[in-house]
PDB file of N, CA and C in Angstrom:
ATOM      1  N   MET A   1     -32.426  19.031  -3.195  1.00  0.00           N
ATOM      2  CA  MET A   1     -32.914  19.233  -4.543  1.00  0.00           C
ATOM      3  C   MET A   1     -31.781  19.312  -5.555  1.00  0.00           C
ATOM      4  N   ASN A   2     -30.678  19.910  -5.193  1.00  0.00           N
ATOM      5  CA  ASN A   2     -29.568  20.063  -6.115  1.00  0.00           C
ATOM      6  C   ASN A   2     -28.554  18.951  -5.831  1.00  0.00           C
ATOM      7  N   ASN A   3     -28.569  17.920  -6.645  1.00  0.00           N
ATOM      8  CA  ASN A   3     -27.691  16.770  -6.437  1.00  0.00           C
ATOM      9  C   ASN A   3     -26.402  16.850  -7.222  1.00  0.00           C
ATOM     10  N   ARG A   4     -26.187  17.963  -7.931  1.00  0.00           N
ATOM     11  CA  ARG A   4     -24.961  18.095  -8.713  1.00  0.00           C
ATOM     12  C   ARG A   4     -23.790  18.456  -7.813  1.00  0.00           C
ATOM     13  N   PRO A   5     -22.622  17.939  -8.140  1.00  0.00           N
ATOM     14  CA  PRO A   5     -21.438  18.330  -7.346  1.00  0.00           C
ATOM     15  C   PRO A   5     -21.056  19.772  -7.678  1.00  0.00           C
ATOM     16  N   PRO A   6     -20.375  20.449  -6.774  1.00  0.00           N
ATOM     17  CA  PRO A   6     -19.971  21.833  -7.059  1.00  0.00           C
ATOM     18  C   PRO A   6     -18.998  21.883  -8.240  1.00  0.00           C
ATOM     19  N   MET A   7     -19.051  22.997  -8.956  1.00  0.00           N
ATOM     20  CA  MET A   7     -18.176  23.160 -10.119  1.00  0.00           C
ATOM     21  C   MET A   7     -16.758  23.483  -9.677  1.00  0.00           C
ATOM     22  N   THR A   8     -15.819  23.070 -10.485  1.00  0.00           N
ATOM     23  CA  THR A   8     -14.424  23.413 -10.240  1.00  0.00           C
ATOM     24  C   THR A   8     -14.203  24.866 -10.669  1.00  0.00           C
ATOM     25  N   PRO A   9     -13.145  25.505 -10.204  1.00  0.00           N
ATOM     26  CA  PRO A   9     -12.863  26.881 -10.644  1.00  0.00           C
ATOM     27  C   PRO A   9     -12.716  26.997 -12.167  1.00  0.00           C
ATOM     28  N   GLU A  10     -12.181  25.967 -12.807  1.00  0.00           N
ATOM     29  CA  GLU A  10     -12.044  26.003 -14.273  1.00  0.00           C
ATOM     30  C   GLU A  10     -13.416  26.020 -14.948  1.00  0.00           C
ATOM     31  N   GLN A  11     -14.338  25.198 -14.432  1.00  0.00           N
ATOM     32  CA  GLN A  11     -15.684  25.183 -15.000  1.00  0.00           C
ATOM     33  C   GLN A  11     -16.396  26.511 -14.753  1.00  0.00           C
ATOM     34  N   GLU A  12     -16.240  27.071 -13.559  1.00  0.00           N
ATOM     35  CA  GLU A  12     -16.862  28.363 -13.260  1.00  0.00           C
ATOM     36  C   GLU A  12     -16.344  29.437 -14.210  1.00  0.00           C
ATOM     37  N   TRP A  13     -15.039  29.458 -14.457  1.00  0.00           N
ATOM     38  CA  TRP A  13     -14.450  30.456 -15.351  1.00  0.00           C
ATOM     39  C   TRP A  13     -14.961  30.275 -16.778  1.00  0.00           C
ATOM     40  N   LYS A  14     -15.101  29.022 -17.220  1.00  0.00           N
ATOM     41  CA  LYS A  14     -15.582  28.759 -18.581  1.00  0.00           C
ATOM     42  C   LYS A  14     -16.972  29.344 -18.781  1.00  0.00           C
ATOM     43  N   TYR A  15     -17.862  29.113 -17.835  1.00  0.00           N
ATOM     44  CA  TYR A  15     -19.224  29.635 -17.977  1.00  0.00           C
ATOM     45  C   TYR A  15     -19.283  31.142 -17.785  1.00  0.00           C
ATOM     46  N   ALA A  16     -18.481  31.675 -16.901  1.00  0.00           N
ATOM     47  CA  ALA A  16     -18.448  33.123 -16.696  1.00  0.00           C
ATOM     48  C   ALA A  16     -17.916  33.826 -17.940  1.00  0.00           C
ATOM     49  N   GLU A  17     -16.879  33.273 -18.546  1.00  0.00           N
ATOM     50  CA  GLU A  17     -16.314  33.887 -19.748  1.00  0.00           C
ATOM     51  C   GLU A  17     -17.309  33.868 -20.893  1.00  0.00           C
ATOM     52  N   THR A  18     -18.048  32.782 -21.041  1.00  0.00           N
ATOM     53  CA  THR A  18     -19.069  32.695 -22.083  1.00  0.00           C
ATOM     54  C   THR A  18     -20.153  33.735 -21.856  1.00  0.00           C
ATOM     55  N   ALA A  19     -20.578  33.912 -20.631  1.00  0.00           N
ATOM     56  CA  ALA A  19     -21.620  34.899 -20.333  1.00  0.00           C
ATOM     57  C   ALA A  19     -21.116  36.316 -20.586  1.00  0.00           C
ATOM     58  N   LEU A  20     -19.870  36.593 -20.262  1.00  0.00           N
ATOM     59  CA  LEU A  20     -19.334  37.940 -20.436  1.00  0.00           C
ATOM     60  C   LEU A  20     -19.177  38.317 -21.905  1.00  0.00           C
ATOM     61  N   ARG A  21     -18.981  37.357 -22.772  1.00  0.00           N
ATOM     62  CA  ARG A  21     -18.825  37.659 -24.198  1.00  0.00           C
ATOM     63  C   ARG A  21     -20.080  38.247 -24.806  1.00  0.00           C
ATOM     64  N   TRP A  22     -21.246  37.919 -24.288  1.00  0.00           N
ATOM     65  CA  TRP A  22     -22.503  38.323 -24.914  1.00  0.00           C
ATOM     66  C   TRP A  22     -23.198  39.451 -24.179  1.00  0.00           C
ATOM     67  N   HIS A  23     -22.530  40.102 -23.234  1.00  0.00           N
ATOM     68  CA  HIS A  23     -23.129  41.214 -22.513  1.00  0.00           C
ATOM     69  C   HIS A  23     -22.250  42.441 -22.666  1.00  0.00           C
ATOM     70  N   GLY A  24     -22.855  43.593 -22.590  1.00  0.00           N
ATOM     71  CA  GLY A  24     -22.106  44.839 -22.626  1.00  0.00           C
ATOM     72  C   GLY A  24     -21.887  45.327 -24.046  1.00  0.00           C
ATOM     73  N   TRP A  25     -21.039  46.344 -24.177  1.00  0.00           N
ATOM     74  CA  TRP A  25     -20.817  46.974 -25.477  1.00  0.00           C
ATOM     75  C   TRP A  25     -19.920  46.146 -26.381  1.00  0.00           C
ATOM     76  N   GLY A  26     -19.254  45.146 -25.859  1.00  0.00           N
ATOM     77  CA  GLY A  26     -18.395  44.311 -26.679  1.00  0.00           C
ATOM     78  C   GLY A  26     -19.148  43.235 -27.427  1.00  0.00           C
ATOM     79  N   SER A  27     -20.396  43.026 -27.083  1.00  0.00           N
ATOM     80  CA  SER A  27     -21.176  41.988 -27.756  1.00  0.00           C
ATOM     81  C   SER A  27     -21.644  42.487 -29.118  1.00  0.00           C
ATOM     82  N   PRO A  28     -21.985  41.584 -30.024  1.00  0.00           N
ATOM     83  CA  PRO A  28     -22.493  42.016 -31.332  1.00  0.00           C
ATOM     84  C   PRO A  28     -23.739  42.885 -31.217  1.00  0.00           C
ATOM     85  N   VAL A  29     -24.627  42.566 -30.301  1.00  0.00           N
ATOM     86  CA  VAL A  29     -25.855  43.348 -30.134  1.00  0.00           C
ATOM     87  C   VAL A  29     -25.537  44.709 -29.546  1.00  0.00           C
ATOM     88  N   GLY A  30     -24.685  44.751 -28.540  1.00  0.00           N
ATOM     89  CA  GLY A  30     -24.328  46.024 -27.920  1.00  0.00           C
ATOM     90  C   GLY A  30     -23.589  46.939 -28.877  1.00  0.00           C
ATOM     91  N   MET A  31     -22.688  46.387 -29.660  1.00  0.00           N
ATOM     92  CA  MET A  31     -21.944  47.191 -30.629  1.00  0.00           C
ATOM     93  C   MET A  31     -22.880  47.758 -31.691  1.00  0.00           C
ATOM     94  N   ARG A  32     -23.790  46.938 -32.167  1.00  0.00           N
ATOM     95  CA  ARG A  32     -24.749  47.397 -33.181  1.00  0.00           C
ATOM     96  C   ARG A  32     -25.635  48.501 -32.608  1.00  0.00           C
ATOM     97  N   LEU A  33     -26.098  48.335 -31.376  1.00  0.00           N
ATOM     98  CA  LEU A  33     -26.923  49.350 -30.736  1.00  0.00           C
ATOM     99  C   LEU A  33     -26.134  50.649 -30.563  1.00  0.00           C
ATOM    100  N   GLY A  34     -24.882  50.533 -30.183  1.00  0.00           N
ATOM    101  CA  GLY A  34     -24.045  51.717 -30.035  1.00  0.00           C
ATOM    102  C   GLY A  34     -23.854  52.457 -31.347  1.00  0.00           C
ATOM    103  N   LEU A  35     -23.642  51.729 -32.429  1.00  0.00           N
ATOM    104  CA  LEU A  35     -23.472  52.377 -33.738  1.00  0.00           C
ATOM    105  C   LEU A  35     -24.760  53.045 -34.207  1.00  0.00           C
ATOM    106  N   VAL A  36     -25.884  52.418 -33.960  1.00  0.00           N
ATOM    107  CA  VAL A  36     -27.169  53.024 -34.332  1.00  0.00           C
ATOM    108  C   VAL A  36     -27.391  54.305 -33.540  1.00  0.00           C
ATOM    109  N   CYS A  37     -27.094  54.289 -32.258  1.00  0.00           N
ATOM    110  CA  CYS A  37     -27.246  55.485 -31.426  1.00  0.00           C
ATOM    111  C   CYS A  37     -26.297  56.594 -31.873  1.00  0.00           C
ATOM    112  N   LEU A  38     -25.091  56.230 -32.237  1.00  0.00           N
ATOM    113  CA  LEU A  38     -24.127  57.217 -32.728  1.00  0.00           C
ATOM    114  C   LEU A  38     -24.607  57.855 -34.031  1.00  0.00           C
ATOM    115  N   GLY A  39     -25.126  57.038 -34.937  1.00  0.00           N
ATOM    116  CA  GLY A  39     -25.664  57.561 -36.193  1.00  0.00           C
ATOM    117  C   GLY A  39     -26.862  58.469 -35.970  1.00  0.00           C
ATOM    118  N   LEU A  40     -27.738  58.078 -35.080  1.00  0.00           N
ATOM    119  CA  LEU A  40     -28.915  58.895 -34.776  1.00  0.00           C
ATOM    120  C   LEU A  40     -28.499  60.224 -34.159  1.00  0.00           C
ATOM    121  N   ALA A  41     -27.510  60.196 -33.292  1.00  0.00           N
ATOM    122  CA  ALA A  41     -27.024  61.438 -32.700  1.00  0.00           C
ATOM    123  C   ALA A  41     -26.427  62.351 -33.761  1.00  0.00           C
ATOM    124  N   ALA A  42     -25.698  61.788 -34.723  1.00  0.00           N
ATOM    125  CA  ALA A  42     -25.119  62.599 -35.797  1.00  0.00           C
ATOM    126  C   ALA A  42     -26.208  63.245 -36.650  1.00  0.00           C
ATOM    127  N   VAL A  43     -27.255  62.512 -36.950  1.00  0.00           N
ATOM    128  CA  VAL A  43     -28.370  63.067 -37.737  1.00  0.00           C
ATOM    129  C   VAL A  43     -29.061  64.180 -36.956  1.00  0.00           C
ATOM    130  N   LEU A  44     -29.275  63.983 -35.670  1.00  0.00           N
ATOM    131  CA  LEU A  44     -29.936  65.013 -34.870  1.00  0.00           C
ATOM    132  C   LEU A  44     -29.084  66.272 -34.748  1.00  0.00           C
ATOM    133  N   VAL A  45     -27.765  66.117 -34.626  1.00  0.00           N
ATOM    134  CA  VAL A  45     -26.883  67.297 -34.577  1.00  0.00           C
ATOM    135  C   VAL A  45     -26.922  68.026 -35.907  1.00  0.00           C
ATOM    136  N   ARG A  46     -26.919  67.288 -37.014  1.00  0.00           N
ATOM    137  CA  ARG A  46     -26.985  67.928 -38.325  1.00  0.00           C
ATOM    138  C   ARG A  46     -28.279  68.697 -38.491  1.00  0.00           C
ATOM    139  N   LEU A  47     -29.398  68.104 -38.066  1.00  0.00           N
ATOM    140  CA  LEU A  47     -30.680  68.801 -38.159  1.00  0.00           C
ATOM    141  C   LEU A  47     -30.724  70.043 -37.267  1.00  0.00           C
ATOM    142  N   ALA A  48     -30.105  69.949 -36.093  1.00  0.00           N
ATOM    143  CA  ALA A  48     -30.091  71.106 -35.199  1.00  0.00           C
ATOM    144  C   ALA A  48     -29.239  72.250 -35.752  1.00  0.00           C
ATOM    145  N   LEU A  49     -28.169  71.916 -36.447  1.00  0.00           N
ATOM    146  CA  LEU A  49     -27.263  72.950 -36.957  1.00  0.00           C
ATOM    147  C   LEU A  49     -27.730  73.524 -38.293  1.00  0.00           C
ATOM    148  N   PHE A  50     -28.200  72.698 -39.194  1.00  0.00           N
ATOM    149  CA  PHE A  50     -28.491  73.141 -40.557  1.00  0.00           C
ATOM    150  C   PHE A  50     -29.964  73.178 -40.899  1.00  0.00           C
ATOM    151  N   GLY A  51     -30.815  72.656 -40.088  1.00  0.00           N
ATOM    152  CA  GLY A  51     -32.235  72.651 -40.383  1.00  0.00           C
ATOM    153  C   GLY A  51     -32.628  71.430 -41.196  1.00  0.00           C
ATOM    154  N   PHE A  52     -33.906  71.327 -41.465  1.00  0.00           N
ATOM    155  CA  PHE A  52     -34.441  70.130 -42.093  1.00  0.00           C
ATOM    156  C   PHE A  52     -34.248  70.103 -43.603  1.00  0.00           C
ATOM    157  N   LEU A  53     -34.404  71.227 -44.290  1.00  0.00           N
ATOM    158  CA  LEU A  53     -34.386  71.230 -45.751  1.00  0.00           C
ATOM    159  C   LEU A  53     -33.085  71.724 -46.356  1.00  0.00           C
ATOM    160  N   ARG A  54     -32.119  72.047 -45.604  1.00  0.00           N
ATOM    161  CA  ARG A  54     -30.878  72.584 -46.164  1.00  0.00           C
ATOM    162  C   ARG A  54     -29.975  71.512 -46.659  1.00  0.00           C
TER     163      ARG A  54
END
């Protein structure tokens, strides 16, 4: 079923590097999610320390 020749190590590295750029905390989506979580944690700590209306 798979009639393609095997990839060379250079081709494997090219595709692996591309996949690694878009996963984890270094990706644009991961970084944005991390910043949103950090902001939410800061708001929750402020509410816990000072209350809602202060």
